[in-house]
Each structure stands twice: as C-alpha cells, then as structure tokens.
Amino acid sequence: MKLVGRCYCGSLRYNVNAEPVFQGLCHCRECRYISGGGVNAFVAIPTAVFEYSQGTPATFSRSDLDSPVVRDFCGECGTHIVSRPPGMPTVILKVGTLDDPSEFNPSVAIYTCDQRSYNIIPDGVATFDRAPG
C-alpha cells in the first residue's frame, strides 16, 4: 500500500510503501491534547518505511518524562505528522495528514477509559480500556 501525505501548508511531505501494522483510534488524554480535543485517528507504520519526501520536521518531546514520545510536526504550520514512541518499531501516523484518508479502517480503539461521550466508536472495532496486551 502506498500512503502519501503532507502538513497543512505543504512544507512537509511523506511517503510510505508498506501495509499498516494496524489502524486505530486513541482516546487517551495525551492524544486529545495533541489532536486539539478529539479522538486521535492513527495508522501504525513500520519506522523503516516512513520517510519525508520534502522538508525536515521540527520535533517535540516532554522533558519531564523518562522515556518521552518524540513528535514530528511542521515548524511552519504546526501540523502534527507522526509520534515516535520509545522502544516501538513503528511510527504513529496521523490520519488527518493523508492525501487520501478514505482507506482508513480502524480495527482497534484504545484508552477507552478516557473516551468522551462525543467520540463514537464504530461498530465492529475492538475496544481496550488501555493499550492491548
């Protein structure tokens, strides 16, 4: 599967030539901060196949955590592109940055312990109170 996308202003572009490891919806408080309030729709992609085809992202990680997630974003418009969880062989790609998000088909909803009433989980999507084992 080929996935391409960009930030809002177009300064950053990326390509992925691989099937997603999984696709999901995260309801955790941290993702609501990052998304600006709603559920975080994401695609997990093997780190080795994710590459920027244009531009260099700015990064952010919290200095108050021992093993913080590193977040890539556009330094011009602020669009969050991927999260890089420590110790995981995947990047967490934000679905809203895909040029064609129509192929997004979540199979899991995680951190539903933090789910808000306005975030509806589609029928047939497996739910997990936290992260799956």
N, C-alpha and C. Protein backbone atom coordinates (compact mmCIF):
# COMPACT_ATOMS: atom_id res chain seq x y z
N MET A 1 0.85 -1.17 0.00
CA MET A 1 0.00 0.00 0.00
C MET A 1 0.89 1.23 0.00
N LYS A 2 0.57 2.18 -0.82
CA LYS A 2 1.31 3.45 -0.84
C LYS A 2 0.46 4.51 -0.18
N LEU A 3 1.01 5.12 0.85
CA LEU A 3 0.36 6.22 1.54
C LEU A 3 1.22 7.47 1.36
N VAL A 4 0.60 8.56 0.98
CA VAL A 4 1.30 9.83 0.87
C VAL A 4 0.50 10.88 1.63
N GLY A 5 1.20 11.87 2.11
CA GLY A 5 0.51 12.92 2.85
C GLY A 5 1.40 14.12 3.05
N ARG A 6 0.83 15.07 3.79
CA ARG A 6 1.55 16.34 3.98
C ARG A 6 0.98 17.07 5.18
N CYS A 7 1.67 18.13 5.54
CA CYS A 7 1.16 19.05 6.56
C CYS A 7 0.17 20.01 5.89
N TYR A 8 -0.45 20.83 6.68
CA TYR A 8 -1.45 21.76 6.19
C TYR A 8 -0.91 22.74 5.14
N CYS A 9 0.29 23.27 5.38
CA CYS A 9 0.85 24.27 4.45
C CYS A 9 1.62 23.64 3.30
N GLY A 10 1.91 22.34 3.36
CA GLY A 10 2.62 21.67 2.28
C GLY A 10 4.13 21.68 2.40
N SER A 11 4.68 22.25 3.46
CA SER A 11 6.14 22.28 3.64
C SER A 11 6.72 20.89 3.87
N LEU A 12 5.97 20.03 4.57
CA LEU A 12 6.40 18.66 4.81
C LEU A 12 5.55 17.71 3.97
N ARG A 13 6.20 16.76 3.35
CA ARG A 13 5.52 15.69 2.62
C ARG A 13 6.19 14.39 2.99
N TYR A 14 5.40 13.30 2.96
CA TYR A 14 5.95 11.99 3.29
C TYR A 14 5.39 10.92 2.36
N ASN A 15 6.11 9.78 2.33
CA ASN A 15 5.71 8.60 1.57
C ASN A 15 5.85 7.38 2.45
N VAL A 16 4.94 6.45 2.29
CA VAL A 16 5.01 5.16 2.97
C VAL A 16 4.69 4.09 1.94
N ASN A 17 5.57 3.10 1.82
CA ASN A 17 5.33 1.99 0.91
C ASN A 17 5.26 0.70 1.71
N ALA A 18 4.17 0.51 2.44
CA ALA A 18 4.00 -0.69 3.26
C ALA A 18 2.57 -0.74 3.77
N GLU A 19 2.16 -1.92 4.13
CA GLU A 19 0.87 -2.07 4.78
C GLU A 19 0.99 -1.58 6.22
N PRO A 20 -0.03 -0.92 6.72
CA PRO A 20 -0.02 -0.54 8.13
C PRO A 20 0.05 -1.77 9.04
N VAL A 21 0.71 -1.63 10.18
CA VAL A 21 0.74 -2.68 11.18
C VAL A 21 -0.65 -2.82 11.78
N PHE A 22 -1.27 -1.70 12.09
CA PHE A 22 -2.67 -1.65 12.48
C PHE A 22 -3.16 -0.22 12.37
N GLN A 23 -4.48 -0.07 12.43
CA GLN A 23 -5.11 1.23 12.34
C GLN A 23 -6.03 1.39 13.54
N GLY A 24 -6.03 2.57 14.15
CA GLY A 24 -6.80 2.68 15.37
C GLY A 24 -7.26 4.08 15.72
N LEU A 25 -7.97 4.11 16.84
CA LEU A 25 -8.49 5.33 17.43
C LEU A 25 -8.00 5.37 18.87
N CYS A 26 -7.31 6.44 19.25
CA CYS A 26 -6.84 6.56 20.62
C CYS A 26 -7.61 7.66 21.34
N HIS A 27 -8.12 7.31 22.52
CA HIS A 27 -8.94 8.23 23.30
C HIS A 27 -8.19 8.81 24.50
N CYS A 28 -6.90 8.55 24.64
CA CYS A 28 -6.18 8.99 25.84
C CYS A 28 -6.11 10.51 25.91
N ARG A 29 -5.89 11.00 27.11
CA ARG A 29 -5.84 12.45 27.34
C ARG A 29 -4.71 13.10 26.55
N GLU A 30 -3.57 12.43 26.47
CA GLU A 30 -2.44 12.99 25.74
C GLU A 30 -2.79 13.18 24.26
N CYS A 31 -3.46 12.20 23.67
CA CYS A 31 -3.84 12.32 22.26
C CYS A 31 -4.88 13.42 22.05
N ARG A 32 -5.74 13.62 23.03
CA ARG A 32 -6.71 14.71 22.91
C ARG A 32 -5.99 16.06 22.95
N TYR A 33 -4.94 16.17 23.75
CA TYR A 33 -4.13 17.39 23.72
C TYR A 33 -3.54 17.60 22.32
N ILE A 34 -2.90 16.56 21.81
CA ILE A 34 -2.20 16.65 20.53
C ILE A 34 -3.17 16.90 19.37
N SER A 35 -4.34 16.27 19.42
CA SER A 35 -5.30 16.43 18.32
C SER A 35 -6.11 17.71 18.44
N GLY A 36 -6.04 18.36 19.56
CA GLY A 36 -6.82 19.57 19.77
C GLY A 36 -8.19 19.30 20.35
N GLY A 37 -8.42 18.10 20.86
CA GLY A 37 -9.67 17.84 21.56
C GLY A 37 -10.38 16.56 21.22
N GLY A 38 -10.19 16.01 20.05
CA GLY A 38 -10.92 14.82 19.66
C GLY A 38 -10.10 13.56 19.74
N VAL A 39 -10.71 12.48 19.32
CA VAL A 39 -10.01 11.21 19.26
C VAL A 39 -8.86 11.32 18.25
N ASN A 40 -7.80 10.58 18.48
CA ASN A 40 -6.65 10.56 17.57
C ASN A 40 -6.80 9.37 16.64
N ALA A 41 -7.10 9.63 15.38
CA ALA A 41 -7.16 8.57 14.35
C ALA A 41 -5.74 8.38 13.82
N PHE A 42 -5.26 7.13 13.87
CA PHE A 42 -3.86 6.89 13.51
C PHE A 42 -3.67 5.59 12.75
N VAL A 43 -2.54 5.53 12.07
CA VAL A 43 -2.09 4.33 11.37
C VAL A 43 -0.68 4.05 11.88
N ALA A 44 -0.45 2.84 12.38
CA ALA A 44 0.90 2.45 12.82
C ALA A 44 1.66 1.90 11.61
N ILE A 45 2.81 2.49 11.36
CA ILE A 45 3.63 2.16 10.19
C ILE A 45 5.02 1.74 10.66
N PRO A 46 5.62 0.70 10.06
CA PRO A 46 7.00 0.37 10.43
C PRO A 46 7.92 1.58 10.24
N THR A 47 8.71 1.87 11.24
CA THR A 47 9.60 3.04 11.20
C THR A 47 10.49 3.03 9.96
N ALA A 48 10.99 1.86 9.59
CA ALA A 48 11.94 1.75 8.49
C ALA A 48 11.36 2.18 7.14
N VAL A 49 10.04 2.19 6.97
CA VAL A 49 9.47 2.53 5.67
C VAL A 49 8.87 3.93 5.62
N PHE A 50 8.91 4.64 6.74
CA PHE A 50 8.39 6.00 6.75
C PHE A 50 9.51 6.96 6.40
N GLU A 51 9.25 7.85 5.43
CA GLU A 51 10.27 8.85 5.07
C GLU A 51 9.62 10.15 4.62
N TYR A 52 10.30 11.22 4.91
CA TYR A 52 9.86 12.52 4.42
C TYR A 52 10.42 12.70 3.01
N SER A 53 9.56 13.07 2.09
CA SER A 53 9.99 13.31 0.71
C SER A 53 10.25 14.80 0.47
N GLN A 54 9.79 15.63 1.40
CA GLN A 54 10.02 17.08 1.30
C GLN A 54 10.05 17.67 2.70
N GLY A 55 11.03 18.47 2.96
CA GLY A 55 11.12 19.18 4.23
C GLY A 55 11.70 18.35 5.36
N THR A 56 12.00 19.03 6.44
CA THR A 56 12.52 18.42 7.65
C THR A 56 11.62 18.84 8.80
N PRO A 57 11.11 17.87 9.56
CA PRO A 57 10.19 18.24 10.63
C PRO A 57 10.89 18.86 11.82
N ALA A 58 10.15 19.64 12.56
CA ALA A 58 10.56 20.05 13.90
C ALA A 58 10.13 18.90 14.82
N THR A 59 10.72 18.80 15.98
CA THR A 59 10.34 17.73 16.91
C THR A 59 10.06 18.30 18.29
N PHE A 60 9.29 17.54 19.04
CA PHE A 60 8.99 17.90 20.42
C PHE A 60 8.92 16.63 21.24
N SER A 61 9.49 16.68 22.43
CA SER A 61 9.31 15.62 23.43
C SER A 61 9.32 16.28 24.80
N ARG A 62 8.53 15.74 25.68
CA ARG A 62 8.43 16.32 27.02
C ARG A 62 9.71 16.06 27.81
N SER A 63 10.22 17.09 28.45
CA SER A 63 11.47 16.97 29.22
C SER A 63 11.23 16.43 30.62
N ASP A 64 9.99 16.34 31.05
CA ASP A 64 9.69 15.88 32.40
C ASP A 64 9.41 14.37 32.47
N LEU A 65 9.55 13.65 31.36
CA LEU A 65 9.32 12.21 31.33
C LEU A 65 10.63 11.47 31.08
N ASP A 66 10.76 10.27 31.66
CA ASP A 66 11.98 9.47 31.46
C ASP A 66 12.12 8.97 30.03
N SER A 67 11.03 8.51 29.43
CA SER A 67 11.05 7.99 28.06
C SER A 67 9.93 8.64 27.25
N PRO A 68 10.09 9.89 26.89
CA PRO A 68 9.00 10.58 26.20
C PRO A 68 8.84 10.16 24.75
N VAL A 69 7.62 10.30 24.26
CA VAL A 69 7.34 10.15 22.85
C VAL A 69 7.94 11.35 22.12
N VAL A 70 8.53 11.12 20.96
CA VAL A 70 9.03 12.21 20.13
C VAL A 70 7.97 12.47 19.06
N ARG A 71 7.58 13.71 18.92
CA ARG A 71 6.53 14.08 17.98
C ARG A 71 7.13 14.94 16.87
N ASP A 72 6.89 14.53 15.61
CA ASP A 72 7.32 15.30 14.44
C ASP A 72 6.18 16.20 14.03
N PHE A 73 6.49 17.46 13.76
CA PHE A 73 5.47 18.39 13.30
C PHE A 73 6.08 19.41 12.35
N CYS A 74 5.23 20.10 11.63
CA CYS A 74 5.70 21.13 10.72
C CYS A 74 6.05 22.38 11.51
N GLY A 75 7.25 22.88 11.33
CA GLY A 75 7.68 24.08 12.01
C GLY A 75 7.03 25.35 11.46
N GLU A 76 6.40 25.25 10.30
CA GLU A 76 5.72 26.40 9.70
C GLU A 76 4.26 26.51 10.15
N CYS A 77 3.49 25.43 9.95
CA CYS A 77 2.04 25.49 10.24
C CYS A 77 1.64 24.74 11.51
N GLY A 78 2.56 23.93 12.05
CA GLY A 78 2.29 23.24 13.31
C GLY A 78 1.61 21.89 13.20
N THR A 79 1.33 21.43 11.99
CA THR A 79 0.65 20.15 11.82
C THR A 79 1.47 19.01 12.40
N HIS A 80 0.85 18.20 13.27
CA HIS A 80 1.48 17.03 13.85
C HIS A 80 1.40 15.89 12.83
N ILE A 81 2.55 15.34 12.45
CA ILE A 81 2.60 14.30 11.42
C ILE A 81 2.67 12.91 12.05
N VAL A 82 3.70 12.65 12.86
CA VAL A 82 3.86 11.34 13.48
C VAL A 82 4.32 11.48 14.93
N SER A 83 4.03 10.43 15.67
CA SER A 83 4.60 10.23 17.01
C SER A 83 5.54 9.06 16.93
N ARG A 84 6.63 9.12 17.68
CA ARG A 84 7.63 8.06 17.69
C ARG A 84 7.77 7.55 19.13
N PRO A 85 6.96 6.55 19.50
CA PRO A 85 7.03 6.02 20.86
C PRO A 85 8.36 5.31 21.10
N PRO A 86 8.99 5.53 22.24
CA PRO A 86 10.28 4.88 22.52
C PRO A 86 10.10 3.37 22.61
N GLY A 87 11.06 2.66 22.03
CA GLY A 87 11.05 1.20 22.10
C GLY A 87 10.09 0.50 21.17
N MET A 88 9.40 1.24 20.32
CA MET A 88 8.48 0.62 19.36
C MET A 88 9.05 0.73 17.96
N PRO A 89 8.89 -0.31 17.14
CA PRO A 89 9.42 -0.28 15.77
C PRO A 89 8.47 0.40 14.78
N THR A 90 7.56 1.21 15.30
CA THR A 90 6.57 1.87 14.45
C THR A 90 6.53 3.37 14.72
N VAL A 91 6.07 4.09 13.71
CA VAL A 91 5.68 5.48 13.90
C VAL A 91 4.16 5.50 13.88
N ILE A 92 3.58 6.43 14.61
CA ILE A 92 2.14 6.58 14.69
C ILE A 92 1.77 7.76 13.80
N LEU A 93 1.29 7.46 12.61
CA LEU A 93 0.98 8.44 11.59
C LEU A 93 -0.43 8.98 11.77
N LYS A 94 -0.59 10.29 11.75
CA LYS A 94 -1.88 10.94 11.94
C LYS A 94 -2.70 10.87 10.65
N VAL A 95 -3.87 10.25 10.71
CA VAL A 95 -4.71 10.02 9.54
C VAL A 95 -5.10 11.32 8.85
N GLY A 96 -5.29 12.38 9.60
CA GLY A 96 -5.69 13.66 9.01
C GLY A 96 -4.67 14.25 8.07
N THR A 97 -3.44 13.73 8.06
CA THR A 97 -2.40 14.24 7.17
C THR A 97 -2.32 13.47 5.85
N LEU A 98 -3.07 12.38 5.73
CA LEU A 98 -3.06 11.59 4.49
C LEU A 98 -3.72 12.37 3.36
N ASP A 99 -3.14 12.30 2.16
CA ASP A 99 -3.78 12.91 1.00
C ASP A 99 -5.12 12.24 0.71
N ASP A 100 -5.20 10.93 0.94
CA ASP A 100 -6.45 10.19 0.73
C ASP A 100 -6.73 9.35 1.98
N PRO A 101 -7.44 9.92 2.94
CA PRO A 101 -7.73 9.18 4.17
C PRO A 101 -8.87 8.18 4.03
N SER A 102 -9.40 7.99 2.82
CA SER A 102 -10.57 7.12 2.63
C SER A 102 -10.27 5.66 2.93
N GLU A 103 -9.01 5.26 2.88
CA GLU A 103 -8.67 3.86 3.16
C GLU A 103 -8.50 3.58 4.65
N PHE A 104 -8.64 4.59 5.49
CA PHE A 104 -8.53 4.39 6.93
C PHE A 104 -9.69 3.52 7.39
N ASN A 105 -9.34 2.45 8.08
CA ASN A 105 -10.33 1.50 8.57
C ASN A 105 -9.86 1.00 9.94
N PRO A 106 -10.22 1.70 11.01
CA PRO A 106 -9.69 1.33 12.33
C PRO A 106 -10.16 -0.04 12.77
N SER A 107 -9.23 -0.78 13.36
CA SER A 107 -9.56 -2.11 13.89
C SER A 107 -9.60 -2.11 15.41
N VAL A 108 -9.01 -1.09 16.03
CA VAL A 108 -8.98 -1.00 17.50
C VAL A 108 -9.26 0.41 17.97
N ALA A 109 -9.84 0.49 19.15
CA ALA A 109 -9.97 1.77 19.87
C ALA A 109 -9.28 1.53 21.21
N ILE A 110 -8.29 2.36 21.52
CA ILE A 110 -7.51 2.17 22.74
C ILE A 110 -7.73 3.33 23.72
N TYR A 111 -7.39 3.06 24.96
CA TYR A 111 -7.57 4.01 26.05
C TYR A 111 -9.01 4.53 26.12
N THR A 112 -9.93 3.59 25.97
CA THR A 112 -11.35 3.97 26.05
C THR A 112 -11.73 4.37 27.47
N CYS A 113 -10.85 4.13 28.45
CA CYS A 113 -11.09 4.62 29.81
C CYS A 113 -11.17 6.15 29.84
N ASP A 114 -10.59 6.81 28.85
CA ASP A 114 -10.61 8.27 28.74
C ASP A 114 -11.58 8.77 27.68
N GLN A 115 -12.36 7.88 27.09
CA GLN A 115 -13.26 8.25 26.00
C GLN A 115 -14.28 9.30 26.44
N ARG A 116 -14.52 10.27 25.60
CA ARG A 116 -15.55 11.29 25.83
C ARG A 116 -16.83 10.84 25.14
N SER A 117 -17.95 11.28 25.63
CA SER A 117 -19.25 10.86 25.09
C SER A 117 -19.44 11.27 23.63
N TYR A 118 -18.76 12.30 23.20
CA TYR A 118 -18.90 12.77 21.82
C TYR A 118 -18.01 12.01 20.83
N ASN A 119 -17.17 11.11 21.32
CA ASN A 119 -16.33 10.29 20.44
C ASN A 119 -16.95 8.91 20.31
N ILE A 120 -17.60 8.68 19.20
CA ILE A 120 -18.31 7.44 18.95
C ILE A 120 -17.35 6.42 18.32
N ILE A 121 -17.39 5.20 18.82
CA ILE A 121 -16.57 4.12 18.28
C ILE A 121 -17.43 3.35 17.28
N PRO A 122 -16.95 3.17 16.05
CA PRO A 122 -17.74 2.43 15.05
C PRO A 122 -18.01 0.99 15.47
N ASP A 123 -19.12 0.45 15.04
CA ASP A 123 -19.45 -0.95 15.30
C ASP A 123 -18.35 -1.85 14.73
N GLY A 124 -18.03 -2.90 15.43
CA GLY A 124 -17.05 -3.88 14.97
C GLY A 124 -15.62 -3.56 15.32
N VAL A 125 -15.35 -2.41 15.91
CA VAL A 125 -13.99 -2.04 16.30
C VAL A 125 -13.73 -2.57 17.71
N ALA A 126 -12.65 -3.34 17.86
CA ALA A 126 -12.29 -3.88 19.19
C ALA A 126 -11.90 -2.75 20.12
N THR A 127 -12.35 -2.79 21.36
CA THR A 127 -12.06 -1.73 22.32
C THR A 127 -11.19 -2.26 23.45
N PHE A 128 -10.32 -1.38 23.93
CA PHE A 128 -9.41 -1.71 25.02
C PHE A 128 -9.41 -0.55 26.01
N ASP A 129 -9.57 -0.86 27.29
CA ASP A 129 -9.55 0.15 28.32
C ASP A 129 -8.24 0.92 28.31
N ARG A 130 -7.16 0.24 28.05
CA ARG A 130 -5.82 0.84 27.92
C ARG A 130 -5.25 0.34 26.60
N ALA A 131 -3.96 0.08 26.54
CA ALA A 131 -3.36 -0.48 25.32
C ALA A 131 -3.53 -2.00 25.32
N PRO A 132 -3.71 -2.61 24.15
CA PRO A 132 -3.82 -4.08 24.11
C PRO A 132 -2.53 -4.74 24.58
N GLY A 133 -2.68 -5.91 25.17
CA GLY A 133 -1.54 -6.65 25.70
C GLY A 133 -0.58 -7.03 24.65
